[in-house]
Amino acid sequence: HALAHEIPSADSIDLLCAFVRWHGIRVLEDQLRAHCLAGRPLRVITTVYTGSTERKALDWLVAIGAQVKVSYDTQSTRLHAKAWMFRRATGYSTAYIGSSNLSKSALLDGVEWNVRLSEVTSPDILEKFDATFNSYWQSPEYEPYDPARDGDRLANALAPTAGAHEDGPL
């Protein structure tokens, strides 16, 4: 509920989230759609590690106008962060940093710990978040996601053993 309350007043949103799932998107669907339809930027960085991110969620984000970048590294947990930045030109930006992925269980009924920070009381932490997010955004490890170009690659990375048993036992 706190995230849904933050989105409408944000001039731009950055989300750094290890796992992005469709039912998590559904919890914030109306607010995220309205944000992007108003021409306000939404940038998302995520990963395919453990196969938990869902293609449908990323495809939807891109369809509403979000920019999405993905790490296809499946050998390590390089990105396990969960953080939102809600930028406001008024000087009242806020961030949430904690344990919640963008999933229904994490947002609604999971046992998660998150902290809300404000630009007014914690400008140094928000500046650090901003610098770190932008360094990830510029890193070649996080690749721009375009469903038409990258959908099959993403699907294969999320389910590397999909179809492995179609011809019988391995």
Protein backbone atom coordinates (compact mmCIF):
# COMPACT_ATOMS: atom_id res chain seq x y z
CA HIS A 1 0.00 0.00 0.00
CA ALA A 2 2.91 2.33 0.73
CA LEU A 3 4.35 1.85 -2.77
CA ALA A 4 0.96 2.43 -4.39
CA HIS A 5 0.74 5.68 -2.44
CA GLU A 6 4.22 6.84 -3.56
CA ILE A 7 3.88 6.20 -7.29
CA PRO A 8 1.33 8.91 -8.26
CA SER A 9 3.45 11.79 -6.95
CA ALA A 10 6.77 10.57 -8.36
CA ASP A 11 8.34 12.40 -11.29
CA SER A 12 10.42 9.31 -12.05
CA ILE A 13 10.89 5.86 -10.56
CA ASP A 14 13.89 3.55 -10.45
CA LEU A 15 13.46 -0.05 -9.31
CA LEU A 16 16.36 -2.35 -8.55
CA CYS A 17 14.82 -5.75 -7.92
CA ALA A 18 16.25 -9.25 -8.14
CA PHE A 19 12.92 -10.86 -9.06
CA VAL A 20 10.02 -9.26 -10.92
CA ARG A 21 6.88 -11.38 -11.08
CA TRP A 22 3.55 -10.88 -12.86
CA HIS A 23 1.37 -11.10 -9.75
CA GLY A 24 3.59 -8.51 -8.07
CA ILE A 25 3.08 -6.20 -11.05
CA ARG A 26 -0.68 -6.77 -10.75
CA VAL A 27 -0.63 -5.34 -7.21
CA LEU A 28 0.70 -2.02 -8.59
CA GLU A 29 -0.60 -2.27 -12.15
CA ASP A 30 -2.92 0.74 -12.17
CA GLN A 31 -0.40 3.07 -10.53
CA LEU A 32 2.51 1.97 -12.75
CA ARG A 33 0.42 2.28 -15.91
CA ALA A 34 -0.79 5.77 -14.97
CA HIS A 35 2.79 6.81 -14.15
CA CYS A 36 4.10 5.74 -17.54
CA LEU A 37 1.07 7.01 -19.49
CA ALA A 38 1.75 10.42 -17.96
CA GLY A 39 5.16 10.30 -19.67
CA ARG A 40 7.11 9.86 -16.45
CA PRO A 41 10.17 7.60 -16.56
CA LEU A 42 10.23 4.14 -14.99
CA ARG A 43 13.54 2.27 -15.08
CA VAL A 44 13.81 -1.33 -13.87
CA ILE A 45 16.91 -3.45 -13.34
CA THR A 46 16.39 -7.16 -12.68
CA THR A 47 17.96 -10.58 -13.13
CA VAL A 48 17.21 -14.07 -14.40
CA TYR A 49 19.06 -15.68 -11.51
CA THR A 50 17.06 -18.68 -10.16
CA GLY A 51 14.47 -18.19 -12.92
CA SER A 52 12.16 -16.25 -10.58
CA THR A 53 11.61 -13.21 -12.80
CA GLU A 54 8.75 -13.71 -15.23
CA ARG A 55 8.80 -12.74 -18.90
CA LYS A 56 5.14 -11.67 -18.79
CA ALA A 57 6.00 -9.10 -16.12
CA LEU A 58 8.91 -7.62 -18.08
CA ASP A 59 6.94 -7.63 -21.35
CA TRP A 60 4.13 -5.71 -19.63
CA LEU A 61 6.54 -3.16 -18.17
CA VAL A 62 8.07 -2.50 -21.59
CA ALA A 63 4.60 -2.32 -23.17
CA ILE A 64 3.57 0.52 -20.82
CA GLY A 65 6.78 2.44 -21.56
CA ALA A 66 9.20 1.33 -18.86
CA GLN A 67 12.87 0.86 -19.65
CA VAL A 68 14.03 -2.55 -18.45
CA LYS A 69 17.53 -3.95 -18.13
CA VAL A 70 18.34 -7.56 -17.31
CA SER A 71 21.37 -9.40 -16.03
CA TYR A 72 21.53 -12.78 -17.73
CA ASP A 73 24.20 -14.05 -15.33
CA THR A 74 22.90 -17.34 -13.88
CA GLN A 75 26.12 -18.40 -12.20
CA SER A 76 26.09 -15.98 -9.27
CA THR A 77 23.78 -13.83 -7.19
CA ARG A 78 25.30 -10.60 -8.42
CA LEU A 79 22.02 -8.72 -8.03
CA HIS A 80 19.92 -9.58 -5.02
CA ALA A 81 18.94 -6.02 -4.06
CA LYS A 82 15.40 -4.75 -3.68
CA ALA A 83 15.00 -1.00 -3.73
CA TRP A 84 12.69 1.67 -5.12
CA MET A 85 13.54 5.33 -5.70
CA PHE A 86 10.69 7.80 -6.15
CA ARG A 87 12.19 11.06 -7.44
CA ARG A 88 10.36 14.33 -7.00
CA ALA A 89 11.47 17.74 -8.28
CA THR A 90 10.05 19.20 -5.06
CA GLY A 91 13.02 17.85 -3.05
CA TYR A 92 10.84 15.28 -1.31
CA SER A 93 12.15 12.15 -3.02
CA THR A 94 11.79 8.87 -1.15
CA ALA A 95 13.29 5.41 -1.35
CA TYR A 96 12.35 2.00 -0.01
CA ILE A 97 15.17 -0.43 0.58
CA GLY A 98 14.58 -3.87 2.00
CA SER A 99 13.84 -7.50 1.36
CA SER A 100 10.73 -7.35 -0.86
CA ASN A 101 10.95 -8.51 -4.44
CA LEU A 102 8.22 -7.41 -6.84
CA SER A 103 6.00 -10.40 -6.12
CA LYS A 104 2.50 -10.68 -4.69
CA SER A 105 3.63 -12.56 -1.59
CA ALA A 106 6.43 -10.08 -0.88
CA LEU A 107 4.15 -7.08 -1.31
CA LEU A 108 1.04 -8.34 0.45
CA ASP A 109 1.58 -11.10 2.96
CA GLY A 110 5.22 -12.08 3.17
CA VAL A 111 7.42 -11.49 6.18
CA GLU A 112 9.53 -8.72 4.69
CA TRP A 113 11.60 -5.91 6.16
CA ASN A 114 11.79 -2.60 4.32
CA VAL A 115 12.77 0.90 5.35
CA ARG A 116 11.45 4.15 3.91
CA LEU A 117 14.00 6.91 3.52
CA SER A 118 13.36 10.52 2.59
CA GLU A 119 15.54 13.05 0.82
CA VAL A 120 14.84 15.49 3.64
CA THR A 121 16.21 13.29 6.44
CA SER A 122 18.62 10.98 4.57
CA PRO A 123 19.92 12.82 1.48
CA ASP A 124 23.27 11.00 1.61
CA ILE A 125 21.63 7.57 1.37
CA LEU A 126 19.39 8.63 -1.52
CA GLU A 127 22.41 10.10 -3.32
CA LYS A 128 24.26 6.79 -2.83
CA PHE A 129 21.24 4.85 -4.16
CA ASP A 130 21.10 7.15 -7.18
CA ALA A 131 24.81 6.79 -7.93
CA THR A 132 24.73 3.02 -7.49
CA PHE A 133 21.62 2.57 -9.61
CA ASN A 134 23.10 4.71 -12.40
CA SER A 135 26.37 2.76 -12.30
CA TYR A 136 24.39 -0.47 -12.74
CA TRP A 137 22.27 1.13 -15.46
CA GLN A 138 25.45 1.99 -17.39
CA SER A 139 27.10 -1.40 -16.81
CA PRO A 140 27.17 -3.78 -19.79
CA GLU A 141 26.16 -6.58 -17.38
CA TYR A 142 22.61 -5.16 -17.41
CA GLU A 143 21.30 -5.36 -20.95
CA PRO A 144 18.33 -3.44 -22.35
CA TYR A 145 15.30 -5.71 -22.70
CA ASP A 146 13.13 -5.54 -25.82
CA PRO A 147 10.51 -8.33 -25.93
CA ALA A 148 10.59 -8.57 -29.73
CA ARG A 149 14.36 -8.89 -29.83
CA ASP A 150 15.14 -10.55 -26.49
CA GLY A 151 11.99 -12.46 -25.51
CA ASP A 152 13.26 -15.89 -26.53
CA ARG A 153 16.63 -15.28 -24.91
CA LEU A 154 14.92 -14.25 -21.68
CA ALA A 155 12.58 -17.25 -21.76
CA ASN A 156 15.54 -19.60 -22.26
CA ALA A 157 17.50 -17.97 -19.45
CA LEU A 158 14.53 -18.17 -17.08
CA ALA A 159 13.87 -21.84 -17.84
CA PRO A 160 17.16 -23.33 -19.06
CA THR A 161 15.85 -26.89 -18.78
CA ALA A 162 12.51 -26.20 -20.45
CA GLY A 163 11.96 -28.77 -23.15
CA ALA A 164 14.86 -30.92 -21.96
CA HIS A 165 12.56 -33.93 -21.53
CA GLU A 166 10.51 -33.55 -24.71
CA ASP A 167 12.43 -36.33 -26.44
CA GLY A 168 12.42 -38.67 -23.45
CA PRO A 169 14.67 -39.12 -20.46
CA LEU A 170 18.08 -37.50 -20.45
